[in-house]
């Protein structure tokens, strides 16, 4: 439940594996992008609107610690944060992650399932 006067702003995340270097060993990374859900979708998808922000790059090798990006997102979703709106007023805002956009191989990686698993059924 949100406190009285609080605002809910859904966060939309996206990632896609990309090659960083081909000539020196084929390093791959996952750039992570974020936008907010209350921007009109037609505006959000135009590259010239700059509605997406690159929050970081996750390299493919194994990780042994939690991401600082994920920790910050969880904290803002649970406790909220104070942001200034376009009119200069401070708003207590809660920002849960509501959508993650990724292609099928990326979705399977995020869900930790085998590559031959069906995204629709329980069949593999």
PDB file of N, CA and C in Angstrom:
ATOM      1  N   UNK A   1       0.815  -1.185   0.000  1.00  0.00           N
ATOM      2  CA  UNK A   1       0.000   0.000   0.000  1.00  0.00           C
ATOM      3  C   UNK A   1       0.854   1.242   0.000  1.00  0.00           C
ATOM      4  N   UNK A   2       0.456   2.196  -0.807  1.00  0.00           N
ATOM      5  CA  UNK A   2       1.189   3.453  -0.881  1.00  0.00           C
ATOM      6  C   UNK A   2       0.695   4.437   0.182  1.00  0.00           C
ATOM      7  N   UNK A   3       1.597   5.227   0.743  1.00  0.00           N
ATOM      8  CA  UNK A   3       1.158   6.280   1.660  1.00  0.00           C
ATOM      9  C   UNK A   3       0.336   7.327   0.915  1.00  0.00           C
ATOM     10  N   UNK A   4      -0.459   8.080   1.649  1.00  0.00           N
ATOM     11  CA  UNK A   4      -1.272   9.137   1.058  1.00  0.00           C
ATOM     12  C   UNK A   4      -0.355  10.155   0.383  1.00  0.00           C
ATOM     13  N   UNK A   5      -0.672  10.504  -0.857  1.00  0.00           N
ATOM     14  CA  UNK A   5       0.109  11.489  -1.603  1.00  0.00           C
ATOM     15  C   UNK A   5       1.295  10.922  -2.363  1.00  0.00           C
ATOM     16  N   UNK A   6       1.569   9.630  -2.213  1.00  0.00           N
ATOM     17  CA  UNK A   6       2.704   9.022  -2.905  1.00  0.00           C
ATOM     18  C   UNK A   6       2.348   8.763  -4.368  1.00  0.00           C
ATOM     19  N   UNK A   7       3.360   8.694  -5.211  1.00  0.00           N
ATOM     20  CA  UNK A   7       3.191   8.467  -6.644  1.00  0.00           C
ATOM     21  C   UNK A   7       3.834   7.141  -7.013  1.00  0.00           C
ATOM     22  N   UNK A   8       3.190   6.411  -7.914  1.00  0.00           N
ATOM     23  CA  UNK A   8       3.735   5.145  -8.407  1.00  0.00           C
ATOM     24  C   UNK A   8       4.230   5.358  -9.828  1.00  0.00           C
ATOM     25  N   UNK A   9       5.516   5.098 -10.053  1.00  0.00           N
ATOM     26  CA  UNK A   9       6.120   5.230 -11.381  1.00  0.00           C
ATOM     27  C   UNK A   9       6.778   3.901 -11.717  1.00  0.00           C
ATOM     28  N   UNK A  10       6.202   3.160 -12.655  1.00  0.00           N
ATOM     29  CA  UNK A  10       6.743   1.860 -13.036  1.00  0.00           C
ATOM     30  C   UNK A  10       8.034   1.995 -13.822  1.00  0.00           C
ATOM     31  N   UNK A  11       8.995   1.142 -13.508  1.00  0.00           N
ATOM     32  CA  UNK A  11      10.278   1.124 -14.202  1.00  0.00           C
ATOM     33  C   UNK A  11      10.237   0.026 -15.260  1.00  0.00           C
ATOM     34  N   UNK A  12      10.697   0.339 -16.463  1.00  0.00           N
ATOM     35  CA  UNK A  12      10.808  -0.629 -17.550  1.00  0.00           C
ATOM     36  C   UNK A  12      12.288  -0.836 -17.819  1.00  0.00           C
ATOM     37  N   UNK A  13      12.714  -2.081 -17.767  1.00  0.00           N
ATOM     38  CA  UNK A  13      14.116  -2.410 -18.020  1.00  0.00           C
ATOM     39  C   UNK A  13      14.261  -3.185 -19.308  1.00  0.00           C
ATOM     40  N   UNK A  14      15.439  -3.116 -19.898  1.00  0.00           N
ATOM     41  CA  UNK A  14      15.713  -3.863 -21.122  1.00  0.00           C
ATOM     42  C   UNK A  14      17.196  -4.198 -21.170  1.00  0.00           C
ATOM     43  N   UNK A  15      17.501  -5.297 -21.816  1.00  0.00           N
ATOM     44  CA  UNK A  15      18.898  -5.674 -22.017  1.00  0.00           C
ATOM     45  C   UNK A  15      18.989  -6.521 -23.278  1.00  0.00           C
ATOM     46  N   UNK A  16      20.181  -6.560 -23.831  1.00  0.00           N
ATOM     47  CA  UNK A  16      20.433  -7.392 -25.001  1.00  0.00           C
ATOM     48  C   UNK A  16      21.931  -7.636 -25.085  1.00  0.00           C
ATOM     49  N   UNK A  17      22.311  -8.886 -25.217  1.00  0.00           N
ATOM     50  CA  UNK A  17      23.730  -9.222 -25.298  1.00  0.00           C
ATOM     51  C   UNK A  17      24.339  -8.567 -26.528  1.00  0.00           C
ATOM     52  N   UNK A  18      25.522  -7.996 -26.364  1.00  0.00           N
ATOM     53  CA  UNK A  18      26.197  -7.349 -27.479  1.00  0.00           C
ATOM     54  C   UNK A  18      27.675  -7.682 -27.443  1.00  0.00           C
ATOM     55  N   UNK A  19      28.264  -7.762 -28.613  1.00  0.00           N
ATOM     56  CA  UNK A  19      29.702  -8.007 -28.725  1.00  0.00           C
ATOM     57  C   UNK A  19      30.440  -6.693 -28.489  1.00  0.00           C
ATOM     58  N   UNK A  20      31.461  -6.714 -27.647  1.00  0.00           N
ATOM     59  CA  UNK A  20      32.244  -5.513 -27.381  1.00  0.00           C
ATOM     60  C   UNK A  20      33.502  -5.510 -28.246  1.00  0.00           C
ATOM     61  N   UNK A  21      34.217  -6.628 -28.279  1.00  0.00           N
ATOM     62  CA  UNK A  21      35.430  -6.725 -29.093  1.00  0.00           C
ATOM     63  C   UNK A  21      35.425  -8.040 -29.847  1.00  0.00           C
ATOM     64  N   UNK A  22      35.602  -7.968 -31.118  1.00  0.00           N
ATOM     65  CA  UNK A  22      35.686  -9.190 -31.921  1.00  0.00           C
ATOM     66  C   UNK A  22      37.130  -9.618 -32.148  1.00  0.00           C
ATOM     67  N   UNK A  23      38.001  -8.668 -32.331  1.00  0.00           N
ATOM     68  CA  UNK A  23      39.381  -8.990 -32.676  1.00  0.00           C
ATOM     69  C   UNK A  23      40.240  -9.438 -31.515  1.00  0.00           C
ATOM     70  N   UNK A  24      39.797  -9.199 -30.283  1.00  0.00           N
ATOM     71  CA  UNK A  24      40.636  -9.517 -29.132  1.00  0.00           C
ATOM     72  C   UNK A  24      40.008 -10.535 -28.194  1.00  0.00           C
ATOM     73  N   UNK A  25      39.279 -11.466 -28.717  1.00  0.00           N
ATOM     74  CA  UNK A  25      38.767 -12.536 -27.875  1.00  0.00           C
ATOM     75  C   UNK A  25      37.265 -12.610 -27.759  1.00  0.00           C
ATOM     76  N   UNK A  26      36.527 -11.736 -28.396  1.00  0.00           N
ATOM     77  CA  UNK A  26      35.072 -11.846 -28.406  1.00  0.00           C
ATOM     78  C   UNK A  26      34.415 -11.563 -27.070  1.00  0.00           C
ATOM     79  N   UNK A  27      34.776 -10.482 -26.396  1.00  0.00           N
ATOM     80  CA  UNK A  27      34.156 -10.113 -25.133  1.00  0.00           C
ATOM     81  C   UNK A  27      32.702  -9.717 -25.366  1.00  0.00           C
ATOM     82  N   UNK A  28      31.803 -10.252 -24.556  1.00  0.00           N
ATOM     83  CA  UNK A  28      30.376  -9.943 -24.668  1.00  0.00           C
ATOM     84  C   UNK A  28      29.901  -9.301 -23.381  1.00  0.00           C
ATOM     85  N   UNK A  29      28.941  -8.383 -23.495  1.00  0.00           N
ATOM     86  CA  UNK A  29      28.367  -7.724 -22.327  1.00  0.00           C
ATOM     87  C   UNK A  29      26.865  -7.556 -22.523  1.00  0.00           C
ATOM     88  N   UNK A  30      26.184  -7.292 -21.424  1.00  0.00           N
ATOM     89  CA  UNK A  30      24.761  -6.990 -21.447  1.00  0.00           C
ATOM     90  C   UNK A  30      24.576  -5.531 -21.033  1.00  0.00           C
ATOM     91  N   UNK A  31      24.324  -4.615 -21.985  1.00  0.00           N
ATOM     92  CA  UNK A  31      23.971  -3.262 -21.551  1.00  0.00           C
ATOM     93  C   UNK A  31      22.569  -3.282 -20.949  1.00  0.00           C
ATOM     94  N   UNK A  32      22.385  -2.554 -19.857  1.00  0.00           N
ATOM     95  CA  UNK A  32      21.102  -2.506 -19.169  1.00  0.00           C
ATOM     96  C   UNK A  32      20.532  -1.102 -19.328  1.00  0.00           C
ATOM     97  N   UNK A  33      19.303  -1.035 -19.837  1.00  0.00           N
ATOM     98  CA  UNK A  33      18.643   0.239 -20.072  1.00  0.00           C
ATOM     99  C   UNK A  33      17.379   0.332 -19.226  1.00  0.00           C
ATOM    100  N   UNK A  34      17.038   1.555 -18.786  1.00  0.00           N
ATOM    101  CA  UNK A  34      15.826   1.791 -18.015  1.00  0.00           C
ATOM    102  C   UNK A  34      15.078   2.996 -18.562  1.00  0.00           C
ATOM    103  N   UNK A  35      13.760   2.953 -18.419  1.00  0.00           N
ATOM    104  CA  UNK A  35      12.881   4.085 -18.698  1.00  0.00           C
ATOM    105  C   UNK A  35      11.742   4.007 -17.705  1.00  0.00           C
ATOM    106  N   UNK A  36      10.842   4.985 -17.734  1.00  0.00           N
ATOM    107  CA  UNK A  36       9.709   4.949 -16.820  1.00  0.00           C
ATOM    108  C   UNK A  36       8.426   4.700 -17.596  1.00  0.00           C
ATOM    109  N   UNK A  37       7.485   4.045 -16.944  1.00  0.00           N
ATOM    110  CA  UNK A  37       6.276   3.589 -17.603  1.00  0.00           C
ATOM    111  C   UNK A  37       5.253   4.661 -17.907  1.00  0.00           C
ATOM    112  N   UNK A  38       5.369   5.842 -17.303  1.00  0.00           N
ATOM    113  CA  UNK A  38       4.349   6.854 -17.558  1.00  0.00           C
ATOM    114  C   UNK A  38       4.711   7.774 -18.724  1.00  0.00           C
ATOM    115  N   UNK A  39       5.736   7.422 -19.491  1.00  0.00           N
ATOM    116  CA  UNK A  39       6.029   8.118 -20.743  1.00  0.00           C
ATOM    117  C   UNK A  39       5.230   7.421 -21.842  1.00  0.00           C
ATOM    118  N   UNK A  40       4.569   8.173 -22.681  1.00  0.00           N
ATOM    119  CA  UNK A  40       3.784   7.614 -23.784  1.00  0.00           C
ATOM    120  C   UNK A  40       4.664   6.673 -24.602  1.00  0.00           C
ATOM    121  N   UNK A  41       4.146   5.499 -24.964  1.00  0.00           N
ATOM    122  CA  UNK A  41       4.951   4.478 -25.653  1.00  0.00           C
ATOM    123  C   UNK A  41       5.464   4.961 -27.006  1.00  0.00           C
ATOM    124  N   UNK A  42       4.685   5.783 -27.705  1.00  0.00           N
ATOM    125  CA  UNK A  42       5.159   6.298 -29.001  1.00  0.00           C
ATOM    126  C   UNK A  42       6.329   7.249 -28.816  1.00  0.00           C
ATOM    127  N   UNK A  43       6.316   8.011 -27.762  1.00  0.00           N
ATOM    128  CA  UNK A  43       7.437   8.911 -27.454  1.00  0.00           C
ATOM    129  C   UNK A  43       8.627   8.094 -26.976  1.00  0.00           C
ATOM    130  N   UNK A  44       8.362   7.113 -26.099  1.00  0.00           N
ATOM    131  CA  UNK A  44       9.438   6.314 -25.507  1.00  0.00           C
ATOM    132  C   UNK A  44      10.240   5.556 -26.560  1.00  0.00           C
ATOM    133  N   UNK A  45       9.603   5.083 -27.628  1.00  0.00           N
ATOM    134  CA  UNK A  45      10.300   4.264 -28.617  1.00  0.00           C
ATOM    135  C   UNK A  45      11.037   5.076 -29.678  1.00  0.00           C
ATOM    136  N   UNK A  46      10.923   6.394 -29.683  1.00  0.00           N
ATOM    137  CA  UNK A  46      11.686   7.221 -30.617  1.00  0.00           C
ATOM    138  C   UNK A  46      13.085   7.438 -30.056  1.00  0.00           C
ATOM    139  N   UNK A  47      14.094   7.138 -30.843  1.00  0.00           N
ATOM    140  CA  UNK A  47      15.476   7.303 -30.384  1.00  0.00           C
ATOM    141  C   UNK A  47      15.797   8.754 -30.062  1.00  0.00           C
ATOM    142  N   UNK A  48      15.167   9.677 -30.761  1.00  0.00           N
ATOM    143  CA  UNK A  48      15.461  11.093 -30.551  1.00  0.00           C
ATOM    144  C   UNK A  48      14.852  11.654 -29.266  1.00  0.00           C
ATOM    145  N   UNK A  49      13.945  10.912 -28.633  1.00  0.00           N
ATOM    146  CA  UNK A  49      13.335  11.412 -27.399  1.00  0.00           C
ATOM    147  C   UNK A  49      14.237  11.194 -26.179  1.00  0.00           C
ATOM    148  N   UNK A  50      15.234  10.336 -26.305  1.00  0.00           N
ATOM    149  CA  UNK A  50      16.180  10.038 -25.215  1.00  0.00           C
ATOM    150  C   UNK A  50      15.448   9.613 -23.937  1.00  0.00           C
ATOM    151  N   UNK A  51      14.413   8.787 -24.094  1.00  0.00           N
ATOM    152  CA  UNK A  51      13.620   8.334 -22.953  1.00  0.00           C
ATOM    153  C   UNK A  51      14.275   7.169 -22.212  1.00  0.00           C
ATOM    154  N   UNK A  52      15.241   6.512 -22.811  1.00  0.00           N
ATOM    155  CA  UNK A  52      15.948   5.385 -22.191  1.00  0.00           C
ATOM    156  C   UNK A  52      17.305   5.862 -21.693  1.00  0.00           C
ATOM    157  N   UNK A  53      17.749   5.312 -20.562  1.00  0.00           N
ATOM    158  CA  UNK A  53      19.071   5.634 -20.045  1.00  0.00           C
ATOM    159  C   UNK A  53      19.845   4.338 -19.852  1.00  0.00           C
ATOM    160  N   UNK A  54      21.100   4.345 -20.255  1.00  0.00           N
ATOM    161  CA  UNK A  54      21.958   3.177 -20.048  1.00  0.00           C
ATOM    162  C   UNK A  54      22.479   3.244 -18.616  1.00  0.00           C
ATOM    163  N   UNK A  55      22.057   2.286 -17.797  1.00  0.00           N
ATOM    164  CA  UNK A  55      22.420   2.289 -16.381  1.00  0.00           C
ATOM    165  C   UNK A  55      23.718   1.558 -16.107  1.00  0.00           C
ATOM    166  N   UNK A  56      24.142   0.708 -17.018  1.00  0.00           N
ATOM    167  CA  UNK A  56      25.379  -0.023 -16.784  1.00  0.00           C
ATOM    168  C   UNK A  56      25.562  -1.154 -17.771  1.00  0.00           C
ATOM    169  N   UNK A  57      26.711  -1.806 -17.666  1.00  0.00           N
ATOM    170  CA  UNK A  57      27.054  -2.939 -18.515  1.00  0.00           C
ATOM    171  C   UNK A  57      27.415  -4.113 -17.623  1.00  0.00           C
ATOM    172  N   UNK A  58      26.736  -5.231 -17.852  1.00  0.00           N
ATOM    173  CA  UNK A  58      27.063  -6.449 -17.108  1.00  0.00           C
ATOM    174  C   UNK A  58      27.874  -7.364 -18.003  1.00  0.00           C
ATOM    175  N   UNK A  59      29.112  -7.653 -17.625  1.00  0.00           N
ATOM    176  CA  UNK A  59      29.879  -8.599 -18.432  1.00  0.00           C
ATOM    177  C   UNK A  59      29.323 -10.010 -18.272  1.00  0.00           C
ATOM    178  N   UNK A  60      29.609 -10.865 -19.241  1.00  0.00           N
ATOM    179  CA  UNK A  60      29.094 -12.234 -19.241  1.00  0.00           C
ATOM    180  C   UNK A  60      29.722 -13.120 -18.159  1.00  0.00           C
ATOM    181  N   UNK A  61      30.983 -12.917 -17.758  1.00  0.00           N
ATOM    182  CA  UNK A  61      31.563 -13.834 -16.767  1.00  0.00           C
ATOM    183  C   UNK A  61      30.751 -13.931 -15.481  1.00  0.00           C
ATOM    184  N   UNK A  62      31.053 -14.942 -14.674  1.00  0.00           N
ATOM    185  CA  UNK A  62      30.305 -15.210 -13.449  1.00  0.00           C
ATOM    186  C   UNK A  62      30.411 -14.043 -12.470  1.00  0.00           C
ATOM    187  N   UNK A  63      29.321 -13.844 -11.699  1.00  0.00           N
ATOM    188  CA  UNK A  63      29.300 -12.812 -10.669  1.00  0.00           C
ATOM    189  C   UNK A  63      29.199 -13.484  -9.313  1.00  0.00           C
ATOM    190  N   UNK A  64      29.908 -12.941  -8.347  1.00  0.00           N
ATOM    191  CA  UNK A  64      29.855 -13.485  -6.999  1.00  0.00           C
ATOM    192  C   UNK A  64      29.194 -12.531  -6.012  1.00  0.00           C
ATOM    193  N   UNK A  65      28.752 -11.345  -6.467  1.00  0.00           N
ATOM    194  CA  UNK A  65      28.096 -10.413  -5.563  1.00  0.00           C
ATOM    195  C   UNK A  65      26.897  -9.785  -6.254  1.00  0.00           C
ATOM    196  N   UNK A  66      25.967  -9.279  -5.466  1.00  0.00           N
ATOM    197  CA  UNK A  66      24.769  -8.655  -6.016  1.00  0.00           C
ATOM    198  C   UNK A  66      25.124  -7.360  -6.719  1.00  0.00           C
ATOM    199  N   UNK A  67      24.365  -7.034  -7.710  1.00  0.00           N
ATOM    200  CA  UNK A  67      24.567  -5.803  -8.462  1.00  0.00           C
ATOM    201  C   UNK A  67      24.108  -4.598  -7.647  1.00  0.00           C
ATOM    202  N   UNK A  68      24.884  -3.524  -7.696  1.00  0.00           N
ATOM    203  CA  UNK A  68      24.486  -2.284  -7.029  1.00  0.00           C
ATOM    204  C   UNK A  68      23.227  -1.717  -7.671  1.00  0.00           C
ATOM    205  N   UNK A  69      23.057  -1.924  -8.979  1.00  0.00           N
ATOM    206  CA  UNK A  69      21.874  -1.428  -9.683  1.00  0.00           C
ATOM    207  C   UNK A  69      20.621  -2.105  -9.130  1.00  0.00           C
ATOM    208  N   UNK A  70      20.667  -3.408  -8.954  1.00  0.00           N
ATOM    209  CA  UNK A  70      19.513  -4.142  -8.432  1.00  0.00           C
ATOM    210  C   UNK A  70      19.201  -3.731  -6.994  1.00  0.00           C
ATOM    211  N   UNK A  71      20.212  -3.493  -6.191  1.00  0.00           N
ATOM    212  CA  UNK A  71      20.010  -3.074  -4.807  1.00  0.00           C
ATOM    213  C   UNK A  71      19.319  -1.720  -4.750  1.00  0.00           C
ATOM    214  N   UNK A  72      19.733  -0.791  -5.595  1.00  0.00           N
ATOM    215  CA  UNK A  72      19.116   0.532  -5.632  1.00  0.00           C
ATOM    216  C   UNK A  72      17.658   0.455  -6.085  1.00  0.00           C
ATOM    217  N   UNK A  73      17.386  -0.373  -7.118  1.00  0.00           N
ATOM    218  CA  UNK A  73      16.006  -0.535  -7.588  1.00  0.00           C
ATOM    219  C   UNK A  73      15.108  -1.118  -6.500  1.00  0.00           C
ATOM    220  N   UNK A  74      15.594  -2.125  -5.784  1.00  0.00           N
ATOM    221  CA  UNK A  74      14.796  -2.744  -4.720  1.00  0.00           C
ATOM    222  C   UNK A  74      14.495  -1.745  -3.612  1.00  0.00           C
ATOM    223  N   UNK A  75      15.471  -0.936  -3.253  1.00  0.00           N
ATOM    224  CA  UNK A  75      15.282   0.046  -2.193  1.00  0.00           C
ATOM    225  C   UNK A  75      14.237   1.094  -2.584  1.00  0.00           C
ATOM    226  N   UNK A  76      14.295   1.576  -3.815  1.00  0.00           N
ATOM    227  CA  UNK A  76      13.319   2.584  -4.282  1.00  0.00           C
ATOM    228  C   UNK A  76      11.917   1.989  -4.399  1.00  0.00           C
ATOM    229  N   UNK A  77      11.814   0.715  -4.753  1.00  0.00           N
ATOM    230  CA  UNK A  77      10.502   0.080  -4.857  1.00  0.00           C
ATOM    231  C   UNK A  77       9.882  -0.142  -3.477  1.00  0.00           C
ATOM    232  N   UNK A  78      10.701  -0.500  -2.482  1.00  0.00           N
ATOM    233  CA  UNK A  78      10.188  -0.782  -1.139  1.00  0.00           C
ATOM    234  C   UNK A  78       9.916   0.487  -0.328  1.00  0.00           C
ATOM    235  N   UNK A  79      10.896   1.388  -0.322  1.00  0.00           N
ATOM    236  CA  UNK A  79      10.833   2.544   0.570  1.00  0.00           C
ATOM    237  C   UNK A  79      10.466   3.842  -0.131  1.00  0.00           C
ATOM    238  N   UNK A  80      10.538   3.840  -1.439  1.00  0.00           N
ATOM    239  CA  UNK A  80      10.260   5.064  -2.184  1.00  0.00           C
ATOM    240  C   UNK A  80      11.459   5.997  -2.182  1.00  0.00           C
ATOM    241  N   UNK A  81      11.373   7.016  -2.981  1.00  0.00           N
ATOM    242  CA  UNK A  81      12.411   8.042  -3.069  1.00  0.00           C
ATOM    243  C   UNK A  81      11.725   9.365  -3.377  1.00  0.00           C
ATOM    244  N   UNK A  82      12.393  10.447  -3.096  1.00  0.00           N
ATOM    245  CA  UNK A  82      11.816  11.753  -3.343  1.00  0.00           C
ATOM    246  C   UNK A  82      12.378  12.314  -4.638  1.00  0.00           C
ATOM    247  N   UNK A  83      11.480  12.655  -5.571  1.00  0.00           N
ATOM    248  CA  UNK A  83      11.855  13.211  -6.863  1.00  0.00           C
ATOM    249  C   UNK A  83      11.104  14.520  -7.077  1.00  0.00           C
ATOM    250  N   UNK A  84      11.700  15.398  -7.851  1.00  0.00           N
ATOM    251  CA  UNK A  84      11.047  16.649  -8.210  1.00  0.00           C
ATOM    252  C   UNK A  84      10.296  16.457  -9.514  1.00  0.00           C
ATOM    253  N   UNK A  85       9.024  16.862  -9.558  1.00  0.00           N
ATOM    254  CA  UNK A  85       8.244  16.739 -10.784  1.00  0.00           C
ATOM    255  C   UNK A  85       8.515  17.932 -11.702  1.00  0.00           C
ATOM    256  N   UNK A  86       7.967  17.921 -12.931  1.00  0.00           N
ATOM    257  CA  UNK A  86       8.230  19.019 -13.871  1.00  0.00           C
ATOM    258  C   UNK A  86       7.792  20.402 -13.373  1.00  0.00           C
ATOM    259  N   UNK A  87       6.925  20.448 -12.354  1.00  0.00           N
ATOM    260  CA  UNK A  87       6.449  21.725 -11.820  1.00  0.00           C
ATOM    261  C   UNK A  87       7.256  22.188 -10.617  1.00  0.00           C
ATOM    262  N   UNK A  88       8.315  21.440 -10.277  1.00  0.00           N
ATOM    263  CA  UNK A  88       9.187  21.816  -9.170  1.00  0.00           C
ATOM    264  C   UNK A  88       8.724  21.331  -7.810  1.00  0.00           C
ATOM    265  N   UNK A  89       7.678  20.514  -7.754  1.00  0.00           N
ATOM    266  CA  UNK A  89       7.178  19.996  -6.490  1.00  0.00           C
ATOM    267  C   UNK A  89       7.836  18.653  -6.184  1.00  0.00           C
ATOM    268  N   UNK A  90       8.181  18.445  -4.937  1.00  0.00           N
ATOM    269  CA  UNK A  90       8.814  17.191  -4.520  1.00  0.00           C
ATOM    270  C   UNK A  90       7.724  16.146  -4.309  1.00  0.00           C
ATOM    271  N   UNK A  91       7.892  14.979  -4.931  1.00  0.00           N
ATOM    272  CA  UNK A  91       6.929  13.880  -4.840  1.00  0.00           C
ATOM    273  C   UNK A  91       7.594  12.667  -4.199  1.00  0.00           C
ATOM    274  N   UNK A  92       6.883  12.029  -3.267  1.00  0.00           N
ATOM    275  CA  UNK A  92       7.350  10.755  -2.716  1.00  0.00           C
ATOM    276  C   UNK A  92       6.947   9.677  -3.714  1.00  0.00           C
ATOM    277  N   UNK A  93       7.926   9.057  -4.360  1.00  0.00           N
ATOM    278  CA  UNK A  93       7.673   8.188  -5.502  1.00  0.00           C
ATOM    279  C   UNK A  93       8.174   6.776  -5.235  1.00  0.00           C
ATOM    280  N   UNK A  94       7.342   5.797  -5.587  1.00  0.00           N
ATOM    281  CA  UNK A  94       7.715   4.388  -5.509  1.00  0.00           C
ATOM    282  C   UNK A  94       7.940   3.885  -6.934  1.00  0.00           C
ATOM    283  N   UNK A  95       9.037   3.183  -7.155  1.00  0.00           N
ATOM    284  CA  UNK A  95       9.417   2.801  -8.515  1.00  0.00           C
ATOM    285  C   UNK A  95       9.657   1.299  -8.636  1.00  0.00           C
ATOM    286  N   UNK A  96       8.598   0.488  -8.697  1.00  0.00           N
ATOM    287  CA  UNK A  96       8.802  -0.959  -8.877  1.00  0.00           C
ATOM    288  C   UNK A  96       9.183  -1.286 -10.322  1.00  0.00           C
ATOM    289  N   UNK A  97       9.955  -2.333 -10.501  1.00  0.00           N
ATOM    290  CA  UNK A  97      10.279  -2.830 -11.840  1.00  0.00           C
ATOM    291  C   UNK A  97       9.054  -3.581 -12.347  1.00  0.00           C
ATOM    292  N   UNK A  98       8.409  -3.078 -13.389  1.00  0.00           N
ATOM    293  CA  UNK A  98       7.158  -3.671 -13.858  1.00  0.00           C
ATOM    294  C   UNK A  98       7.318  -4.497 -15.123  1.00  0.00           C
ATOM    295  N   UNK A  99       8.328  -4.224 -15.936  1.00  0.00           N
ATOM    296  CA  UNK A  99       8.514  -4.933 -17.203  1.00  0.00           C
ATOM    297  C   UNK A  99      10.010  -5.088 -17.469  1.00  0.00           C
ATOM    298  N   UNK A 100      10.377  -6.232 -18.040  1.00  0.00           N
ATOM    299  CA  UNK A 100      11.741  -6.415 -18.540  1.00  0.00           C
ATOM    300  C   UNK A 100      11.635  -6.854 -19.994  1.00  0.00           C
ATOM    301  N   UNK A 101      12.275  -6.122 -20.883  1.00  0.00           N
ATOM    302  CA  UNK A 101      12.225  -6.411 -22.311  1.00  0.00           C
ATOM    303  C   UNK A 101      13.528  -7.094 -22.713  1.00  0.00           C
ATOM    304  N   UNK A 102      13.397  -8.263 -23.330  1.00  0.00           N
ATOM    305  CA  UNK A 102      14.574  -9.015 -23.765  1.00  0.00           C
ATOM    306  C   UNK A 102      14.160  -9.993 -24.854  1.00  0.00           C
ATOM    307  N   UNK A 103      15.118 -10.403 -25.677  1.00  0.00           N
ATOM    308  CA  UNK A 103      14.819 -11.417 -26.688  1.00  0.00           C
ATOM    309  C   UNK A 103      14.793 -12.792 -26.018  1.00  0.00           C
ATOM    310  N   UNK A 104      14.405 -13.820 -26.770  1.00  0.00           N
ATOM    311  CA  UNK A 104      14.205 -15.147 -26.191  1.00  0.00           C
ATOM    312  C   UNK A 104      15.452 -15.705 -25.501  1.00  0.00           C
ATOM    313  N   UNK A 105      16.653 -15.694 -26.124  1.00  0.00           N
ATOM    314  CA  UNK A 105      17.819 -16.232 -25.406  1.00  0.00           C
ATOM    315  C   UNK A 105      18.096 -15.485 -24.101  1.00  0.00           C
ATOM    316  N   UNK A 106      17.875 -14.195 -24.120  1.00  0.00           N
ATOM    317  CA  UNK A 106      18.078 -13.390 -22.912  1.00  0.00           C
ATOM    318  C   UNK A 106      17.037 -13.736 -21.844  1.00  0.00           C
ATOM    319  N   UNK A 107      15.784 -13.940 -22.240  1.00  0.00           N
ATOM    320  CA  UNK A 107      14.741 -14.327 -21.293  1.00  0.00           C
ATOM    321  C   UNK A 107      15.068 -15.669 -20.654  1.00  0.00           C
ATOM    322  N   UNK A 108      15.574 -16.609 -21.435  1.00  0.00           N
ATOM    323  CA  UNK A 108      15.943 -17.919 -20.897  1.00  0.00           C
ATOM    324  C   UNK A 108      17.102 -17.790 -19.915  1.00  0.00           C
ATOM    325  N   UNK A 109      18.047 -16.897 -20.195  1.00  0.00           N
ATOM    326  CA  UNK A 109      19.175 -16.671 -19.299  1.00  0.00           C
ATOM    327  C   UNK A 109      18.690 -16.063 -17.983  1.00  0.00           C
ATOM    328  N   UNK A 110      17.811 -15.074 -18.061  1.00  0.00           N
ATOM    329  CA  UNK A 110      17.281 -14.419 -16.865  1.00  0.00           C
ATOM    330  C   UNK A 110      16.477 -15.408 -16.021  1.00  0.00           C
ATOM    331  N   UNK A 111      15.683 -16.267 -16.687  1.00  0.00           N
ATOM    332  CA  UNK A 111      14.849 -17.245 -15.984  1.00  0.00           C
ATOM    333  C   UNK A 111      15.633 -18.480 -15.541  1.00  0.00           C
ATOM    334  N   UNK A 112      16.889 -18.583 -15.945  1.00  0.00           N
ATOM    335  CA  UNK A 112      17.747 -19.725 -15.597  1.00  0.00           C
ATOM    336  C   UNK A 112      17.141 -21.045 -16.059  1.00  0.00           C
ATOM    337  N   UNK A 113      16.683 -21.088 -17.322  1.00  0.00           N
ATOM    338  CA  UNK A 113      16.153 -22.317 -17.900  1.00  0.00           C
ATOM    339  C   UNK A 113      17.010 -22.737 -19.084  1.00  0.00           C
ATOM    340  N   UNK A 114      16.878 -23.994 -19.477  1.00  0.00           N
ATOM    341  CA  UNK A 114      17.652 -24.520 -20.595  1.00  0.00           C
ATOM    342  C   UNK A 114      17.218 -23.870 -21.906  1.00  0.00           C
ATOM    343  N   UNK A 115      18.109 -23.860 -22.873  1.00  0.00           N
ATOM    344  CA  UNK A 115      17.825 -23.212 -24.157  1.00  0.00           C
ATOM    345  C   UNK A 115      16.745 -23.936 -24.950  1.00  0.00           C
ATOM    346  N   UNK A 116      16.496 -25.210 -24.651  1.00  0.00           N
ATOM    347  CA  UNK A 116      15.457 -25.930 -25.387  1.00  0.00           C
ATOM    348  C   UNK A 116      14.112 -25.896 -24.668  1.00  0.00           C
ATOM    349  N   UNK A 117      13.978 -25.096 -23.621  1.00  0.00           N
ATOM    350  CA  UNK A 117      12.714 -24.979 -22.892  1.00  0.00           C
ATOM    351  C   UNK A 117      11.743 -24.081 -23.641  1.00  0.00           C
ATOM    352  N   UNK A 118      10.475 -24.432 -23.558  1.00  0.00           N
ATOM    353  CA  UNK A 118       9.436 -23.640 -24.204  1.00  0.00           C
ATOM    354  C   UNK A 118       9.049 -22.459 -23.317  1.00  0.00           C
ATOM    355  N   UNK A 119       8.931 -21.244 -23.895  1.00  0.00           N
ATOM    356  CA  UNK A 119       8.505 -20.106 -23.081  1.00  0.00           C
ATOM    357  C   UNK A 119       7.000 -20.098 -22.820  1.00  0.00           C
ATOM    358  N   UNK A 120       6.255 -20.997 -23.480  1.00  0.00           N
ATOM    359  CA  UNK A 120       4.797 -20.998 -23.384  1.00  0.00           C
ATOM    360  C   UNK A 120       4.280 -22.160 -22.544  1.00  0.00           C
ATOM    361  N   UNK A 121       4.889 -23.325 -22.674  1.00  0.00           N
ATOM    362  CA  UNK A 121       4.405 -24.506 -21.970  1.00  0.00           C
ATOM    363  C   UNK A 121       5.476 -25.058 -21.056  1.00  0.00           C
ATOM    364  N   UNK A 122       5.129 -26.105 -20.330  1.00  0.00           N
ATOM    365  CA  UNK A 122       6.094 -26.766 -19.454  1.00  0.00           C
ATOM    366  C   UNK A 122       6.917 -27.815 -20.182  1.00  0.00           C
ATOM    367  N   UNK A 123       6.640 -28.011 -21.481  1.00  0.00           N
ATOM    368  CA  UNK A 123       7.389 -28.998 -22.261  1.00  0.00           C
ATOM    369  C   UNK A 123       8.807 -28.503 -22.495  1.00  0.00           C
ATOM    370  N   UNK A 124       9.748 -29.425 -22.609  1.00  0.00           N
ATOM    371  CA  UNK A 124      11.132 -29.040 -22.905  1.00  0.00           C
ATOM    372  C   UNK A 124      11.660 -29.871 -24.053  1.00  0.00           C
TER     373      UNK A 124
END
